[in-house]
Amino acid sequence: MNEDVILALVFMVIVLPIVLGIGSDIYKRRLAFRERELELLSKQTAEKAAQYAAQAERLEQRVRVLERIATENNTDLALQIESLRDVKVN
Protein backbone atom coordinates (compact mmCIF):
# COMPACT_ATOMS: atom_id res chain seq x y z
CA MET A 1 0.00 0.00 0.00
CA ASN A 2 1.18 3.40 -0.70
CA GLU A 3 1.39 6.24 1.78
CA ASP A 4 -1.74 8.09 0.59
CA VAL A 5 -3.97 5.07 1.10
CA ILE A 6 -2.63 4.49 4.61
CA LEU A 7 -3.11 8.16 5.48
CA ALA A 8 -6.70 8.09 4.14
CA LEU A 9 -7.41 4.92 6.09
CA VAL A 10 -6.02 6.41 9.32
CA PHE A 11 -8.11 9.52 8.71
CA MET A 12 -11.31 7.51 8.20
CA VAL A 13 -10.71 5.17 11.15
CA ILE A 14 -9.38 7.63 13.76
CA VAL A 15 -9.94 11.28 12.89
CA LEU A 16 -13.36 11.14 11.26
CA PRO A 17 -15.14 9.39 14.19
CA ILE A 18 -13.56 11.84 16.66
CA VAL A 19 -14.67 14.84 14.63
CA LEU A 20 -18.17 13.42 14.17
CA GLY A 21 -18.42 12.62 17.90
CA ILE A 22 -17.43 16.15 18.87
CA GLY A 23 -19.85 17.59 16.31
CA SER A 24 -22.63 15.40 17.62
CA ASP A 25 -21.96 16.52 21.20
CA ILE A 26 -22.01 20.19 20.16
CA TYR A 27 -25.30 19.67 18.35
CA LYS A 28 -26.88 17.91 21.37
CA ARG A 29 -25.76 20.70 23.69
CA ARG A 30 -27.20 23.31 21.33
CA LEU A 31 -30.53 21.48 21.24
CA ALA A 32 -30.64 21.20 25.04
CA PHE A 33 -29.84 24.91 25.37
CA ARG A 34 -32.57 25.86 22.90
CA GLU A 35 -35.08 23.60 24.67
CA ARG A 36 -34.31 25.21 28.04
CA GLU A 37 -34.58 28.65 26.47
CA LEU A 38 -38.02 27.82 25.07
CA GLU A 39 -39.18 26.43 28.45
CA LEU A 40 -38.24 29.67 30.19
CA LEU A 41 -39.96 31.71 27.51
CA SER A 42 -43.15 29.66 27.82
CA LYS A 43 -43.15 30.09 31.63
CA GLN A 44 -42.79 33.85 31.26
CA THR A 45 -45.59 33.92 28.72
CA ALA A 46 -47.86 31.89 30.99
CA GLU A 47 -47.17 34.21 33.91
CA LYS A 48 -47.98 37.27 31.82
CA ALA A 49 -51.19 35.66 30.58
CA ALA A 50 -52.24 34.92 34.16
CA GLN A 51 -51.53 38.51 35.16
CA TYR A 52 -53.59 39.84 32.25
CA ALA A 53 -56.45 37.49 33.09
CA ALA A 54 -56.45 38.62 36.72
CA GLN A 55 -56.42 42.25 35.68
CA ALA A 56 -59.29 41.65 33.26
CA GLU A 57 -61.27 39.94 36.03
CA ARG A 58 -60.75 42.92 38.36
CA LEU A 59 -61.88 45.31 35.66
CA GLU A 60 -64.96 43.21 34.92
CA GLN A 61 -65.89 43.27 38.61
CA ARG A 62 -65.58 47.05 38.68
CA VAL A 63 -67.74 47.38 35.56
CA ARG A 64 -70.40 45.14 37.16
CA VAL A 65 -70.44 47.36 40.23
CA LEU A 66 -70.70 50.48 38.08
CA GLU A 67 -73.55 48.94 36.09
CA ARG A 68 -75.37 48.06 39.29
CA ILE A 69 -74.89 51.58 40.65
CA ALA A 70 -76.09 53.13 37.38
CA THR A 71 -79.26 51.02 37.28
CA GLU A 72 -80.23 51.38 40.95
CA ASN A 73 -82.24 54.32 42.23
CA ASN A 74 -80.45 54.72 45.56
CA THR A 75 -79.96 58.09 47.15
CA ASP A 76 -76.47 57.20 48.31
CA LEU A 77 -75.03 57.00 44.78
CA ALA A 78 -72.32 59.56 45.56
CA LEU A 79 -71.17 57.52 48.57
CA GLN A 80 -70.89 54.35 46.52
CA ILE A 81 -68.89 56.12 43.82
CA GLU A 82 -66.54 57.55 46.44
CA SER A 83 -66.06 54.09 47.96
CA LEU A 84 -65.02 52.79 44.53
CA ARG A 85 -62.31 55.43 44.34
CA ASP A 86 -60.83 54.16 47.58
CA VAL A 87 -60.44 50.60 46.23
CA LYS A 88 -56.95 49.87 44.98
CA VAL A 89 -57.02 48.71 41.32
CA ASN A 90 -53.78 46.74 41.27
C-alpha atoms as a PDB file:
ATOM      1  CA  MET A   1       0.000   0.000   0.000  1.00  0.00           C
ATOM      2  CA  ASN A   2       1.185   3.399  -0.695  1.00  0.00           C
ATOM      3  CA  GLU A   3       1.391   6.243   1.778  1.00  0.00           C
ATOM      4  CA  ASP A   4      -1.742   8.092   0.589  1.00  0.00           C
ATOM      5  CA  VAL A   5      -3.974   5.066   1.096  1.00  0.00           C
ATOM      6  CA  ILE A   6      -2.630   4.493   4.610  1.00  0.00           C
ATOM      7  CA  LEU A   7      -3.112   8.160   5.477  1.00  0.00           C
ATOM      8  CA  ALA A   8      -6.700   8.088   4.145  1.00  0.00           C
ATOM      9  CA  LEU A   9      -7.408   4.915   6.088  1.00  0.00           C
ATOM     10  CA  VAL A  10      -6.022   6.414   9.318  1.00  0.00           C
ATOM     11  CA  PHE A  11      -8.113   9.523   8.712  1.00  0.00           C
ATOM     12  CA  MET A  12     -11.309   7.510   8.202  1.00  0.00           C
ATOM     13  CA  VAL A  13     -10.706   5.174  11.154  1.00  0.00           C
ATOM     14  CA  ILE A  14      -9.384   7.628  13.756  1.00  0.00           C
ATOM     15  CA  VAL A  15      -9.937  11.284  12.888  1.00  0.00           C
ATOM     16  CA  LEU A  16     -13.356  11.141  11.263  1.00  0.00           C
ATOM     17  CA  PRO A  17     -15.144   9.392  14.194  1.00  0.00           C
ATOM     18  CA  ILE A  18     -13.558  11.837  16.661  1.00  0.00           C
ATOM     19  CA  VAL A  19     -14.674  14.843  14.634  1.00  0.00           C
ATOM     20  CA  LEU A  20     -18.166  13.417  14.165  1.00  0.00           C
ATOM     21  CA  GLY A  21     -18.419  12.622  17.903  1.00  0.00           C
ATOM     22  CA  ILE A  22     -17.431  16.150  18.870  1.00  0.00           C
ATOM     23  CA  GLY A  23     -19.845  17.590  16.307  1.00  0.00           C
ATOM     24  CA  SER A  24     -22.630  15.398  17.621  1.00  0.00           C
ATOM     25  CA  ASP A  25     -21.965  16.525  21.195  1.00  0.00           C
ATOM     26  CA  ILE A  26     -22.009  20.191  20.156  1.00  0.00           C
ATOM     27  CA  TYR A  27     -25.301  19.665  18.350  1.00  0.00           C
ATOM     28  CA  LYS A  28     -26.876  17.908  21.374  1.00  0.00           C
ATOM     29  CA  ARG A  29     -25.765  20.702  23.688  1.00  0.00           C
ATOM     30  CA  ARG A  30     -27.203  23.312  21.332  1.00  0.00           C
ATOM     31  CA  LEU A  31     -30.526  21.476  21.237  1.00  0.00           C
ATOM     32  CA  ALA A  32     -30.636  21.203  25.036  1.00  0.00           C
ATOM     33  CA  PHE A  33     -29.844  24.911  25.369  1.00  0.00           C
ATOM     34  CA  ARG A  34     -32.567  25.859  22.897  1.00  0.00           C
ATOM     35  CA  GLU A  35     -35.078  23.601  24.669  1.00  0.00           C
ATOM     36  CA  ARG A  36     -34.305  25.209  28.037  1.00  0.00           C
ATOM     37  CA  GLU A  37     -34.584  28.653  26.469  1.00  0.00           C
ATOM     38  CA  LEU A  38     -38.021  27.824  25.074  1.00  0.00           C
ATOM     39  CA  GLU A  39     -39.177  26.425  28.446  1.00  0.00           C
ATOM     40  CA  LEU A  40     -38.240  29.666  30.194  1.00  0.00           C
ATOM     41  CA  LEU A  41     -39.959  31.710  27.509  1.00  0.00           C
ATOM     42  CA  SER A  42     -43.148  29.662  27.819  1.00  0.00           C
ATOM     43  CA  LYS A  43     -43.153  30.085  31.626  1.00  0.00           C
ATOM     44  CA  GLN A  44     -42.793  33.848  31.258  1.00  0.00           C
ATOM     45  CA  THR A  45     -45.593  33.924  28.717  1.00  0.00           C
ATOM     46  CA  ALA A  46     -47.864  31.886  30.986  1.00  0.00           C
ATOM     47  CA  GLU A  47     -47.170  34.207  33.914  1.00  0.00           C
ATOM     48  CA  LYS A  48     -47.984  37.272  31.825  1.00  0.00           C
ATOM     49  CA  ALA A  49     -51.187  35.660  30.582  1.00  0.00           C
ATOM     50  CA  ALA A  50     -52.236  34.922  34.161  1.00  0.00           C
ATOM     51  CA  GLN A  51     -51.529  38.515  35.164  1.00  0.00           C
ATOM     52  CA  TYR A  52     -53.587  39.843  32.253  1.00  0.00           C
ATOM     53  CA  ALA A  53     -56.445  37.485  33.089  1.00  0.00           C
ATOM     54  CA  ALA A  54     -56.447  38.623  36.723  1.00  0.00           C
ATOM     55  CA  GLN A  55     -56.421  42.254  35.677  1.00  0.00           C
ATOM     56  CA  ALA A  56     -59.291  41.654  33.258  1.00  0.00           C
ATOM     57  CA  GLU A  57     -61.274  39.941  36.026  1.00  0.00           C
ATOM     58  CA  ARG A  58     -60.748  42.916  38.359  1.00  0.00           C
ATOM     59  CA  LEU A  59     -61.881  45.314  35.658  1.00  0.00           C
ATOM     60  CA  GLU A  60     -64.956  43.211  34.921  1.00  0.00           C
ATOM     61  CA  GLN A  61     -65.893  43.267  38.608  1.00  0.00           C
ATOM     62  CA  ARG A  62     -65.578  47.047  38.682  1.00  0.00           C
ATOM     63  CA  VAL A  63     -67.739  47.380  35.563  1.00  0.00           C
ATOM     64  CA  ARG A  64     -70.402  45.140  37.161  1.00  0.00           C
ATOM     65  CA  VAL A  65     -70.437  47.356  40.226  1.00  0.00           C
ATOM     66  CA  LEU A  66     -70.704  50.477  38.080  1.00  0.00           C
ATOM     67  CA  GLU A  67     -73.547  48.937  36.085  1.00  0.00           C
ATOM     68  CA  ARG A  68     -75.370  48.064  39.293  1.00  0.00           C
ATOM     69  CA  ILE A  69     -74.892  51.576  40.648  1.00  0.00           C
ATOM     70  CA  ALA A  70     -76.089  53.131  37.381  1.00  0.00           C
ATOM     71  CA  THR A  71     -79.260  51.019  37.276  1.00  0.00           C
ATOM     72  CA  GLU A  72     -80.230  51.376  40.951  1.00  0.00           C
ATOM     73  CA  ASN A  73     -82.238  54.316  42.228  1.00  0.00           C
ATOM     74  CA  ASN A  74     -80.454  54.715  45.563  1.00  0.00           C
ATOM     75  CA  THR A  75     -79.956  58.087  47.145  1.00  0.00           C
ATOM     76  CA  ASP A  76     -76.467  57.203  48.310  1.00  0.00           C
ATOM     77  CA  LEU A  77     -75.034  57.004  44.780  1.00  0.00           C
ATOM     78  CA  ALA A  78     -72.322  59.555  45.563  1.00  0.00           C
ATOM     79  CA  LEU A  79     -71.170  57.522  48.572  1.00  0.00           C
ATOM     80  CA  GLN A  80     -70.893  54.353  46.523  1.00  0.00           C
ATOM     81  CA  ILE A  81     -68.890  56.115  43.825  1.00  0.00           C
ATOM     82  CA  GLU A  82     -66.542  57.548  46.436  1.00  0.00           C
ATOM     83  CA  SER A  83     -66.061  54.091  47.956  1.00  0.00           C
ATOM     84  CA  LEU A  84     -65.016  52.789  44.534  1.00  0.00           C
ATOM     85  CA  ARG A  85     -62.312  55.432  44.339  1.00  0.00           C
ATOM     86  CA  ASP A  86     -60.825  54.156  47.576  1.00  0.00           C
ATOM     87  CA  VAL A  87     -60.442  50.598  46.231  1.00  0.00           C
ATOM     88  CA  LYS A  88     -56.945  49.874  44.977  1.00  0.00           C
ATOM     89  CA  VAL A  89     -57.018  48.715  41.316  1.00  0.00           C
ATOM     90  CA  ASN A  90     -53.781  46.736  41.269  1.00  0.00           C
END
